[in-house]
Amino acid sequence: MENPELIFKLKKKTAFEGTEYTEFDLSGLEELTGEEYGSLCKQTENLDGEDMIPEKSLTFAYLAAAKVTGLPYDLFKKLSAKDTCRLRYTISGFFLSEG
């Protein structure tokens, strides 16, 4: 079942490889295993260097979004600055909130 809080609606639609995107379903974040989370952290470290809080990294947000949506990593790098910031805070909020 989709979590409405994890349906990420873009403020500015984004075109990538001939497809236009207006939203992303990030509800797959709820299904990630600890092993998958660790892999995302390691990939972030490999791309960005060591980061004390990878969940606050843009790279981590792009990798996590790509993992749970099945869409290309490079798509998320094409989002507007405002949507990029919102995506980063949506994903970091998911992992760092106590709810």
C-alpha atoms as a PDB file:
ATOM      1  CA  MET A   1       0.000   0.000   0.000  1.00  0.00           C
ATOM      2  CA  GLU A   2       1.329   3.428  -0.952  1.00  0.00           C
ATOM      3  CA  ASN A   3       2.194   5.848   1.830  1.00  0.00           C
ATOM      4  CA  PRO A   4       0.818   9.218   0.632  1.00  0.00           C
ATOM      5  CA  GLU A   5       3.621  11.009   2.484  1.00  0.00           C
ATOM      6  CA  LEU A   6       6.108   9.213   0.241  1.00  0.00           C
ATOM      7  CA  ILE A   7       4.487  10.185  -3.059  1.00  0.00           C
ATOM      8  CA  PHE A   8       6.905  12.907  -4.039  1.00  0.00           C
ATOM      9  CA  LYS A   9       5.195  15.441  -6.304  1.00  0.00           C
ATOM     10  CA  LEU A  10       7.539  17.599  -8.319  1.00  0.00           C
ATOM     11  CA  LYS A  11       7.090  21.374  -8.290  1.00  0.00           C
ATOM     12  CA  LYS A  12       8.573  21.434 -11.800  1.00  0.00           C
ATOM     13  CA  LYS A  13       8.087  18.472 -14.135  1.00  0.00           C
ATOM     14  CA  THR A  14      11.282  16.896 -15.407  1.00  0.00           C
ATOM     15  CA  ALA A  15      11.949  15.261 -18.773  1.00  0.00           C
ATOM     16  CA  PHE A  16      14.530  12.503 -18.983  1.00  0.00           C
ATOM     17  CA  GLU A  17      15.282  10.210 -21.931  1.00  0.00           C
ATOM     18  CA  GLY A  18      11.966  11.061 -23.609  1.00  0.00           C
ATOM     19  CA  THR A  19       9.748  10.594 -20.545  1.00  0.00           C
ATOM     20  CA  GLU A  20       8.213  13.397 -18.504  1.00  0.00           C
ATOM     21  CA  TYR A  21       8.012  12.953 -14.731  1.00  0.00           C
ATOM     22  CA  THR A  22       5.658  14.756 -12.351  1.00  0.00           C
ATOM     23  CA  GLU A  23       5.988  12.547  -9.267  1.00  0.00           C
ATOM     24  CA  PHE A  24       7.878   9.628  -7.769  1.00  0.00           C
ATOM     25  CA  ASP A  25       6.650   6.897  -5.445  1.00  0.00           C
ATOM     26  CA  LEU A  26       9.238   6.653  -2.677  1.00  0.00           C
ATOM     27  CA  SER A  27       7.193   4.223  -0.549  1.00  0.00           C
ATOM     28  CA  GLY A  28       9.801   1.548  -1.275  1.00  0.00           C
ATOM     29  CA  LEU A  29      11.909   3.256   1.402  1.00  0.00           C
ATOM     30  CA  GLU A  30       9.753   1.428   3.943  1.00  0.00           C
ATOM     31  CA  GLU A  31      10.796  -1.934   2.471  1.00  0.00           C
ATOM     32  CA  LEU A  32      14.569  -1.422   2.423  1.00  0.00           C
ATOM     33  CA  THR A  33      16.535  -3.925   4.475  1.00  0.00           C
ATOM     34  CA  GLY A  34      19.459  -3.052   6.699  1.00  0.00           C
ATOM     35  CA  GLU A  35      21.750  -4.648   4.133  1.00  0.00           C
ATOM     36  CA  GLU A  36      20.358  -2.440   1.350  1.00  0.00           C
ATOM     37  CA  TYR A  37      20.666   0.630   3.570  1.00  0.00           C
ATOM     38  CA  GLY A  38      24.303  -0.267   4.289  1.00  0.00           C
ATOM     39  CA  SER A  39      24.939  -0.658   0.571  1.00  0.00           C
ATOM     40  CA  LEU A  40      23.476   2.808  -0.096  1.00  0.00           C
ATOM     41  CA  CYS A  41      25.745   4.250   2.618  1.00  0.00           C
ATOM     42  CA  LYS A  42      28.799   2.519   1.126  1.00  0.00           C
ATOM     43  CA  GLN A  43      27.954   3.689  -2.411  1.00  0.00           C
ATOM     44  CA  THR A  44      27.562   7.245  -1.102  1.00  0.00           C
ATOM     45  CA  GLU A  45      30.936   7.021   0.636  1.00  0.00           C
ATOM     46  CA  ASN A  46      32.551   5.702  -2.559  1.00  0.00           C
ATOM     47  CA  LEU A  47      31.142   8.603  -4.613  1.00  0.00           C
ATOM     48  CA  ASP A  48      31.411  11.460  -2.102  1.00  0.00           C
ATOM     49  CA  GLY A  49      34.149  10.371   0.239  1.00  0.00           C
ATOM     50  CA  GLU A  50      33.549   9.681   3.915  1.00  0.00           C
ATOM     51  CA  ASP A  51      30.491  11.482   5.269  1.00  0.00           C
ATOM     52  CA  MET A  52      29.454  11.346   8.900  1.00  0.00           C
ATOM     53  CA  ILE A  53      25.734  11.525   8.077  1.00  0.00           C
ATOM     54  CA  PRO A  54      25.203  10.040   4.582  1.00  0.00           C
ATOM     55  CA  GLU A  55      21.427  10.542   4.837  1.00  0.00           C
ATOM     56  CA  LYS A  56      22.024  14.293   4.469  1.00  0.00           C
ATOM     57  CA  SER A  57      24.021  13.843   1.246  1.00  0.00           C
ATOM     58  CA  LEU A  58      22.495  14.612  -2.145  1.00  0.00           C
ATOM     59  CA  THR A  59      24.241  11.532  -3.503  1.00  0.00           C
ATOM     60  CA  PHE A  60      22.546   9.365  -0.861  1.00  0.00           C
ATOM     61  CA  ALA A  61      19.166  10.900  -1.792  1.00  0.00           C
ATOM     62  CA  TYR A  62      19.737  10.218  -5.498  1.00  0.00           C
ATOM     63  CA  LEU A  63      20.891   6.643  -4.827  1.00  0.00           C
ATOM     64  CA  ALA A  64      17.998   5.895  -2.464  1.00  0.00           C
ATOM     65  CA  ALA A  65      15.424   7.373  -4.851  1.00  0.00           C
ATOM     66  CA  ALA A  66      16.861   5.376  -7.751  1.00  0.00           C
ATOM     67  CA  LYS A  67      16.880   2.184  -5.669  1.00  0.00           C
ATOM     68  CA  VAL A  68      13.267   2.416  -4.498  1.00  0.00           C
ATOM     69  CA  THR A  69      11.757   3.703  -7.754  1.00  0.00           C
ATOM     70  CA  GLY A  70      13.795   1.578 -10.176  1.00  0.00           C
ATOM     71  CA  LEU A  71      14.528   4.749 -12.156  1.00  0.00           C
ATOM     72  CA  PRO A  72      17.996   5.887 -13.266  1.00  0.00           C
ATOM     73  CA  TYR A  73      20.274   7.704 -10.816  1.00  0.00           C
ATOM     74  CA  ASP A  74      20.974  10.367 -13.449  1.00  0.00           C
ATOM     75  CA  LEU A  75      17.269  11.251 -13.664  1.00  0.00           C
ATOM     76  CA  PHE A  76      17.315  12.574 -10.107  1.00  0.00           C
ATOM     77  CA  LYS A  77      20.326  14.763 -10.883  1.00  0.00           C
ATOM     78  CA  LYS A  78      18.168  16.559 -13.505  1.00  0.00           C
ATOM     79  CA  LEU A  79      15.532  17.764 -11.023  1.00  0.00           C
ATOM     80  CA  SER A  80      15.154  21.486 -10.399  1.00  0.00           C
ATOM     81  CA  ALA A  81      17.128  22.872  -7.468  1.00  0.00           C
ATOM     82  CA  LYS A  82      13.951  23.278  -5.401  1.00  0.00           C
ATOM     83  CA  ASP A  83      12.832  19.697  -6.086  1.00  0.00           C
ATOM     84  CA  THR A  84      16.348  18.428  -5.381  1.00  0.00           C
ATOM     85  CA  CYS A  85      16.320  20.124  -1.992  1.00  0.00           C
ATOM     86  CA  ARG A  86      12.841  18.783  -1.216  1.00  0.00           C
ATOM     87  CA  LEU A  87      13.864  15.241  -2.300  1.00  0.00           C
ATOM     88  CA  ARG A  88      16.918  15.360  -0.054  1.00  0.00           C
ATOM     89  CA  TYR A  89      14.841  16.457   2.944  1.00  0.00           C
ATOM     90  CA  THR A  90      12.069  13.940   2.233  1.00  0.00           C
ATOM     91  CA  ILE A  91      14.556  11.059   2.178  1.00  0.00           C
ATOM     92  CA  SER A  92      16.682  12.271   5.082  1.00  0.00           C
ATOM     93  CA  GLY A  93      13.504  12.950   7.079  1.00  0.00           C
ATOM     94  CA  PHE A  94      12.331   9.414   6.437  1.00  0.00           C
ATOM     95  CA  PHE A  95      15.534   7.930   7.844  1.00  0.00           C
ATOM     96  CA  LEU A  96      16.218  10.422  10.620  1.00  0.00           C
ATOM     97  CA  SER A  97      12.712  11.004  11.998  1.00  0.00           C
ATOM     98  CA  GLU A  98      11.536   9.054  14.991  1.00  0.00           C
ATOM     99  CA  GLY A  99       8.145   8.203  13.488  1.00  0.00           C
END
